[in-house]
Amino acid sequence: MLFYLTLAIALLLIVAESVAAKINKRTNSTKQQSDKWHAAYRWRWIIGIPFIIISAIITYPQPGVEEANKVVGFPLIVAVFDESGRDYVGPLSSIFFLGNALIWYFLPQPLLLLWAKYFDKETVNA
C-alpha cells in the first residue's frame, strides 16, 4: 500500500512541477516580476542539481521493516540494502531514479510560482 501511495504522490509532484514550470516560463517572458524573482528563475537549474545528488546518496531505514535495511531514493525507492550489504534492485530502479531526479530537479519551480503569486511585492498588476 505504501508503495502505491508514494508512487501516486511522486506522479502528482511531477505533474504539479511541470505545470509550475510552464507558468513560470510564461511569467518570466512577461517581465512582470521583480528583478530578484527573475534572477532566481535564471539560476533555478543550479538549485535543482544538488537536490538530485543529495537524493541519490542519502540512505534511511526502510519503513515498516524490523530488519536493518537501508533504502536509497526518495520519494520513490530506487534500491534497498540489507544488513550484510546485498542490494535489491529491480526493473523499476532506473525509472524511479529518473522520476526522483525530475522531482528534485524541478523542486524550485513550485517555490518560484508561490513567490510570484503571493510574496513578490514588486509585481506589476496587469
Protein backbone atom coordinates (compact mmCIF):
# COMPACT_ATOMS: atom_id res chain seq x y z
CA MET A 1 0.00 0.00 0.00
CA LEU A 2 2.83 2.40 0.89
CA PHE A 3 4.41 1.73 -2.50
CA TYR A 4 1.28 2.84 -4.37
CA LEU A 5 0.85 5.88 -2.15
CA THR A 6 4.40 7.11 -2.76
CA LEU A 7 4.05 6.37 -6.48
CA ALA A 8 0.86 8.45 -6.64
CA ILE A 9 2.47 11.30 -4.69
CA ALA A 10 5.52 11.22 -6.97
CA LEU A 11 3.39 11.34 -10.11
CA LEU A 12 1.35 14.24 -8.70
CA LEU A 13 4.56 16.09 -7.84
CA ILE A 14 5.93 15.62 -11.36
CA VAL A 15 2.69 16.93 -12.89
CA ALA A 16 2.46 19.88 -10.47
CA GLU A 17 6.09 20.83 -11.03
CA SER A 18 5.67 20.62 -14.80
CA VAL A 19 2.65 22.92 -14.67
CA ALA A 20 4.53 25.32 -12.39
CA ALA A 21 7.50 25.31 -14.80
CA LYS A 22 5.23 26.21 -17.71
CA ILE A 23 3.59 29.04 -15.75
CA ASN A 24 6.98 30.32 -14.57
CA LYS A 25 8.30 30.32 -18.14
CA ARG A 26 5.33 32.43 -19.22
CA THR A 27 5.74 34.71 -16.17
CA ASN A 28 9.43 35.17 -16.95
CA SER A 29 8.66 36.26 -20.52
CA THR A 30 6.17 38.93 -19.39
CA LYS A 31 8.75 40.66 -17.12
CA GLN A 32 6.07 41.40 -14.51
CA GLN A 33 8.03 40.12 -11.51
CA SER A 34 10.81 41.74 -9.50
CA ASP A 35 14.46 41.56 -10.52
CA LYS A 36 15.10 39.19 -7.60
CA TRP A 37 12.49 36.76 -8.93
CA HIS A 38 14.00 36.88 -12.43
CA ALA A 39 17.46 36.26 -11.00
CA ALA A 40 16.18 33.24 -9.06
CA TYR A 41 14.42 32.00 -12.21
CA ARG A 42 17.66 32.23 -14.20
CA TRP A 43 19.53 30.15 -11.60
CA ARG A 44 16.74 27.61 -10.92
CA TRP A 45 18.55 24.73 -12.60
CA ILE A 46 21.65 25.20 -10.45
CA ILE A 47 19.43 24.96 -7.37
CA GLY A 48 17.85 21.73 -8.64
CA ILE A 49 21.06 19.81 -9.40
CA PRO A 50 22.29 19.48 -5.78
CA PHE A 51 18.88 18.11 -4.81
CA ILE A 52 19.34 15.29 -7.35
CA ILE A 53 22.76 14.43 -5.93
CA ILE A 54 21.55 14.53 -2.34
CA SER A 55 18.53 12.34 -3.07
CA ALA A 56 20.78 9.76 -4.74
CA ILE A 57 23.21 9.37 -1.83
CA ILE A 58 21.03 9.66 1.27
CA THR A 59 20.01 6.38 2.88
CA TYR A 60 17.37 5.86 5.54
CA PRO A 61 15.81 2.89 7.34
CA GLN A 62 13.14 1.04 5.40
CA PRO A 63 9.75 1.96 6.84
CA GLY A 64 7.66 -0.86 8.25
CA VAL A 65 10.51 -3.43 8.31
CA GLU A 66 12.12 -4.70 11.51
CA GLU A 67 15.49 -5.62 9.94
CA ALA A 68 18.30 -3.14 9.41
CA ASN A 69 17.56 -2.47 5.75
CA LYS A 70 18.65 0.84 4.24
CA VAL A 71 16.73 2.49 1.42
CA VAL A 72 18.09 4.78 -1.30
CA GLY A 73 15.75 7.13 -3.14
CA PHE A 74 13.01 9.46 -2.02
CA PRO A 75 10.07 9.60 -2.60
CA LEU A 76 10.48 6.61 -4.93
CA ILE A 77 12.62 3.73 -3.62
CA VAL A 78 15.48 3.07 -6.03
CA ALA A 79 17.37 0.38 -4.09
CA VAL A 80 17.32 -1.43 -0.77
CA PHE A 81 20.45 -2.68 1.01
CA ASP A 82 20.22 -5.34 3.71
CA GLU A 83 22.42 -5.53 6.80
CA SER A 84 25.09 -7.61 5.01
CA GLY A 85 25.35 -5.13 2.13
CA ARG A 86 23.43 -7.03 -0.55
CA ASP A 87 21.40 -4.79 -2.79
CA TYR A 88 17.90 -5.32 -4.05
CA VAL A 89 17.10 -3.53 -7.27
CA GLY A 90 14.57 -4.27 -9.92
CA PRO A 91 13.41 -3.24 -13.35
CA LEU A 92 11.86 -0.08 -11.91
CA SER A 93 15.06 1.14 -10.21
CA SER A 94 16.33 3.19 -13.14
CA ILE A 95 12.85 4.54 -13.88
CA PHE A 96 12.39 5.51 -10.23
CA PHE A 97 15.83 7.16 -10.21
CA LEU A 98 14.79 9.28 -13.20
CA GLY A 99 11.46 10.05 -11.51
CA ASN A 100 13.25 11.19 -8.36
CA ALA A 101 15.65 13.24 -10.47
CA LEU A 102 12.72 15.01 -12.15
CA ILE A 103 11.03 15.68 -8.83
CA TRP A 104 14.11 17.14 -7.18
CA TYR A 105 15.37 18.98 -10.26
CA PHE A 106 12.08 20.80 -10.70
CA LEU A 107 11.55 21.42 -6.97
CA PRO A 108 12.35 25.17 -7.33
CA GLN A 109 9.50 25.61 -9.83
CA PRO A 110 6.53 25.48 -7.41
CA LEU A 111 8.51 27.61 -4.96
CA LEU A 112 9.08 30.23 -7.66
CA LEU A 113 5.39 30.09 -8.57
CA LEU A 114 4.35 30.68 -4.95
CA TRP A 115 6.85 33.53 -4.71
CA ALA A 116 5.47 35.14 -7.86
CA LYS A 117 1.84 34.76 -6.83
CA TYR A 118 1.90 35.62 -3.14
CA PHE A 119 5.19 37.05 -1.93
CA ASP A 120 6.63 39.25 -4.68
CA LYS A 121 5.70 42.74 -3.57
CA GLU A 122 7.17 44.34 -6.68
CA THR A 123 4.74 42.60 -9.03
CA VAL A 124 3.24 44.83 -11.68
CA ASN A 125 -0.52 44.34 -11.72
CA ALA A 126 -1.84 43.82 -15.21
